Protein backbone atom coordinates (compact mmCIF):
# COMPACT_ATOMS: atom_id res chain seq x y z
CA MET A 1 21.10 43.29 15.34
CA VAL A 2 19.59 45.04 18.37
CA ILE A 3 20.80 44.77 21.97
CA ALA A 4 18.50 46.65 24.33
CA ASP A 5 19.02 47.37 28.04
CA PRO A 6 22.03 45.18 28.81
CA HIS A 7 22.45 47.03 32.15
CA VAL A 8 26.08 45.94 32.48
CA LEU A 9 27.53 45.99 35.98
CA ALA A 10 31.29 45.54 35.62
CA SER A 11 32.62 42.57 37.57
CA SER A 12 35.39 44.83 38.90
CA LEU A 13 32.68 46.48 41.04
CA VAL A 14 31.46 43.20 42.54
CA GLU A 15 32.77 40.81 45.15
CA ASP A 16 30.58 38.02 46.53
CA GLY A 17 29.00 38.90 49.84
CA SER A 18 25.98 40.30 51.61
CA ALA A 19 26.04 43.67 49.81
CA MET A 20 25.52 42.07 46.40
CA GLU A 21 23.01 39.57 47.77
CA ASP A 22 20.94 42.34 49.34
CA MET A 23 20.94 44.40 46.14
CA MET A 24 19.99 41.40 44.01
CA SER A 25 17.10 40.48 46.31
CA LYS A 26 15.39 43.80 45.58
CA GLN A 27 15.28 43.80 41.78
CA ARG A 28 14.64 41.51 38.80
CA LYS A 29 17.69 42.04 36.59
CA MET A 30 20.37 39.33 36.42
CA LEU A 31 23.08 41.83 37.27
CA HIS A 32 25.39 39.19 38.70
CA LEU A 33 25.58 37.78 35.15
CA SER A 34 25.29 41.04 33.21
CA GLU A 35 28.94 41.28 32.17
CA GLU A 36 29.03 37.62 31.16
CA ILE A 37 25.80 38.01 29.16
CA PHE A 38 27.08 41.13 27.41
CA LEU A 39 30.35 39.45 26.45
CA ALA A 40 28.34 36.55 25.03
CA LEU A 41 26.24 38.99 22.99
CA VAL A 42 29.40 40.58 21.60
CA ASP A 43 30.70 37.12 20.67
CA THR A 44 27.35 36.40 19.00
CA ALA A 45 27.63 39.58 16.95
CA LEU A 46 31.19 38.72 15.93
CA ALA A 47 30.05 35.25 14.87
CA HIS A 48 27.04 36.41 12.84
CA GLN A 49 28.55 39.65 11.48
CA PRO A 50 25.47 41.88 11.22
CA ASP A 51 25.99 44.97 9.08
CA VAL A 52 24.71 47.22 11.86
CA LEU A 53 24.25 46.86 15.63
CA LEU A 54 21.82 49.21 17.41
CA ILE A 55 21.82 49.68 21.20
CA PRO A 56 18.90 51.90 22.31
CA GLY A 57 20.07 52.73 25.81
CA ASP A 58 20.67 51.48 29.35
CA LEU A 59 24.11 50.14 28.56
CA THR A 60 25.02 50.11 32.27
CA LYS A 61 23.38 49.39 35.60
CA ASP A 62 23.49 52.99 36.80
CA GLY A 63 26.10 54.86 34.76
CA GLU A 64 29.23 53.53 36.48
CA ILE A 65 32.34 54.68 34.63
CA ALA A 66 33.88 51.23 35.11
CA SER A 67 30.86 49.65 33.42
CA HIS A 68 30.92 52.18 30.56
CA ASN A 69 34.64 51.50 30.04
CA LEU A 70 33.94 47.78 29.77
CA VAL A 71 31.07 48.31 27.32
CA ALA A 72 33.07 50.72 25.15
CA GLU A 73 36.03 48.35 25.01
CA GLN A 74 33.81 45.55 23.76
CA LEU A 75 32.01 47.73 21.22
CA ARG A 76 35.33 48.84 19.76
CA LYS A 77 35.96 45.17 18.96
CA LEU A 78 32.78 45.16 16.88
CA GLN A 79 33.80 48.35 15.11
CA ALA A 80 37.21 46.84 14.36
CA ALA A 81 35.44 43.81 12.87
CA GLY A 82 33.51 46.05 10.49
CA ILE A 83 30.18 45.99 12.38
CA LYS A 84 28.74 49.50 12.41
CA THR A 85 27.67 50.11 16.02
CA LEU A 86 25.24 52.90 16.96
CA LEU A 87 23.80 53.67 20.39
CA ILE A 88 21.85 56.22 22.38
CA PRO A 89 21.75 56.83 26.15
CA GLY A 90 19.03 55.51 28.43
CA ASN A 91 17.96 56.72 31.85
CA HIS A 92 20.52 54.43 33.57
CA ASP A 93 23.55 55.69 31.64
CA ILE A 94 24.36 59.25 32.72
CA GLY A 95 24.81 60.72 36.20
CA GLY A 96 22.77 59.48 39.13
CA LYS A 97 23.90 57.30 42.00
CA ALA A 98 25.90 54.12 41.47
CA TYR A 99 27.63 51.68 43.76
CA SER A 100 30.10 48.85 44.03
CA TYR A 101 29.22 45.76 46.04
CA MET A 102 32.34 44.40 47.71
CA GLY A 103 31.70 41.73 50.30
CA ALA A 104 29.59 43.37 53.00
CA GLN A 105 30.34 46.90 51.78
CA THR A 106 28.23 49.04 49.43
CA ASN A 107 30.30 51.98 48.22
CA ALA A 108 29.44 54.92 45.97
CA VAL A 109 31.36 54.95 42.68
CA GLU A 110 31.95 57.58 40.00
CA THR A 111 29.37 57.85 37.23
CA LEU A 112 29.60 59.17 33.69
CA SER A 113 28.54 62.82 33.48
CA ASP A 114 26.42 64.30 30.72
CA ASN A 115 29.35 66.15 29.17
CA GLN A 116 31.43 62.94 29.12
CA TRP A 117 28.90 60.85 27.16
CA GLU A 118 29.96 61.75 23.62
CA THR A 119 33.65 61.55 24.48
CA GLN A 120 33.17 58.09 26.01
CA TYR A 121 31.48 56.90 22.82
CA GLN A 122 33.39 59.07 20.36
CA PHE A 123 33.79 56.08 18.02
CA VAL A 124 30.00 56.15 17.63
CA TYR A 125 29.60 59.90 17.24
CA ASN A 126 32.39 59.94 14.66
CA GLN A 127 29.90 58.18 12.38
CA ALA A 128 27.31 60.95 12.69
CA THR A 129 26.45 62.91 9.56
CA ALA A 130 24.63 65.50 11.69
CA LYS A 131 24.34 66.21 15.43
CA ASP A 132 21.54 67.86 17.41
CA PRO A 133 22.92 70.90 19.30
CA ASN A 134 20.35 70.45 22.09
CA SER A 135 20.82 66.79 23.03
CA HIS A 136 22.87 63.67 22.33
CA SER A 137 20.68 62.94 19.31
CA TYR A 138 22.39 62.36 15.98
CA VAL A 139 21.83 60.91 12.52
CA ALA A 140 24.03 58.38 10.74
CA GLU A 141 24.03 56.49 7.45
CA PRO A 142 25.71 53.20 8.35
CA LEU A 143 24.71 51.62 5.05
CA GLN A 144 24.01 53.07 1.63
CA GLY A 145 20.33 53.97 1.49
CA VAL A 146 19.77 53.63 5.26
CA THR A 147 19.42 56.52 7.71
CA VAL A 148 19.39 55.92 11.49
CA LEU A 149 17.77 58.64 13.61
CA ALA A 150 19.13 58.27 17.15
CA MET A 151 16.85 60.24 19.50
CA ASP A 152 18.09 61.16 22.96
CA ALA A 153 15.15 61.36 25.38
CA SER A 154 16.57 60.56 28.81
CA HIS A 155 17.31 63.88 30.48
CA ASN A 156 14.08 65.06 32.10
CA ASP A 157 14.27 64.16 35.81
CA GLY A 158 14.08 60.44 35.16
CA GLU A 159 11.23 60.62 32.66
CA GLY A 160 11.53 60.17 28.93
CA PHE A 161 10.89 63.37 27.00
CA VAL A 162 11.84 64.70 23.57
CA SER A 163 12.03 68.50 23.59
CA ASP A 164 10.33 70.56 20.90
CA GLU A 165 13.75 71.69 19.65
CA THR A 166 15.10 68.15 19.39
CA LEU A 167 11.93 66.83 17.75
CA ALA A 168 12.07 69.62 15.16
CA TRP A 169 15.69 68.69 14.44
CA VAL A 170 14.81 64.99 14.14
CA LEU A 171 11.97 65.74 11.72
CA GLN A 172 14.28 67.93 9.63
CA GLN A 173 16.72 65.03 9.39
CA ALA A 174 13.86 62.69 8.43
CA ASP A 175 12.91 65.05 5.61
CA ILE A 176 16.51 65.03 4.36
CA ALA A 177 16.56 61.22 4.42
CA ASN A 178 13.25 61.08 2.56
CA THR A 179 14.61 63.40 -0.10
CA LYS A 180 17.46 60.93 -0.60
CA GLY A 181 14.98 58.05 -0.83
CA ASN A 182 16.59 56.37 2.19
CA MET A 183 14.96 53.83 4.46
CA ILE A 184 14.70 55.42 7.93
CA ILE A 185 15.16 53.57 11.22
CA ALA A 186 14.56 55.63 14.36
CA MET A 187 16.00 54.64 17.75
CA CYS A 188 14.96 55.85 21.21
CA HIS A 189 15.35 54.38 24.67
CA TRP A 190 11.83 55.21 25.80
CA GLN A 191 8.76 53.61 24.30
CA ILE A 192 6.73 55.55 21.76
CA LEU A 193 4.06 52.90 21.21
CA GLU A 194 2.18 51.11 23.98
CA HIS A 195 3.46 47.67 24.91
CA VAL A 196 0.82 44.94 24.94
CA ASP A 197 0.99 41.83 27.11
CA ASN A 198 -1.66 39.09 27.19
CA GLY A 199 -4.16 41.36 25.51
CA GLY A 200 -3.69 44.33 27.83
CA VAL A 201 -1.62 47.51 27.67
CA THR A 202 1.27 47.54 30.11
CA PRO A 203 1.83 50.48 32.50
CA GLU A 204 2.81 53.80 30.97
CA SER A 205 6.00 54.25 33.00
CA GLY A 206 8.27 53.26 30.12
CA ARG A 207 6.74 55.61 27.56
CA LEU A 208 7.83 59.09 26.59
CA THR A 209 5.75 61.67 28.42
CA ASN A 210 4.96 63.14 25.00
CA ALA A 211 4.85 59.78 23.21
CA ASP A 212 1.70 60.39 21.17
CA ASN A 213 2.96 63.72 19.80
CA VAL A 214 6.32 62.19 18.88
CA ARG A 215 4.65 59.16 17.28
CA ASP A 216 2.30 61.27 15.16
CA ALA A 217 5.09 63.64 14.10
CA LEU A 218 7.40 60.80 13.05
CA MET A 219 4.65 59.11 11.05
CA ALA A 220 3.77 62.39 9.35
CA HIS A 221 7.40 62.59 8.21
CA HIS A 222 7.38 59.00 6.91
CA VAL A 223 9.30 57.40 9.77
CA HIS A 224 7.64 53.98 10.14
CA VAL A 225 10.27 51.92 11.96
CA ILE A 226 11.57 52.56 15.47
């Protein structure tokens, strides 16, 4: 099962009023329902019992600690139910500016810092069989014969980018998985392939800045699913 970009805004940060209405009028996400939707997705996972759940980033609206706490609490329920849950940060998950919307007031709130990410989701990183020293990337084997390459690419001034050091590490892990004969599933928040809509390629803003290099390198190392 894959849940991408839930952008959870904890209901504890929201109170009906002009502040929330003004924020909602300027963007397309259903943030007023994001917590409810996420809880429903968790219930769906519990009902269907997938072996593995992958979440490739943007767990929260803008990295609010309250939203991360809510997400982590729910994901621990999945772990307790035997559903292996793996995730990677997106560009809305760490640092930046975040707010609560209480009546007519918009107030800044605390966000998760880069050095808090792995502690917040320690129950995920505990599953790692190897960890990249240069990013939040890691590799896990949630099922026998399956390797998940989780690639962190969201720390380059708001643009997706995989550093040369991290890419080299990822490719090394792919080679190890291939030696084992494992099926490899890669996971990254930013797009590596172009998205196509109605016959045309969508804007490049969601792609890694070095997408083509990463794509070609992964394919050369027999990574065919992302």
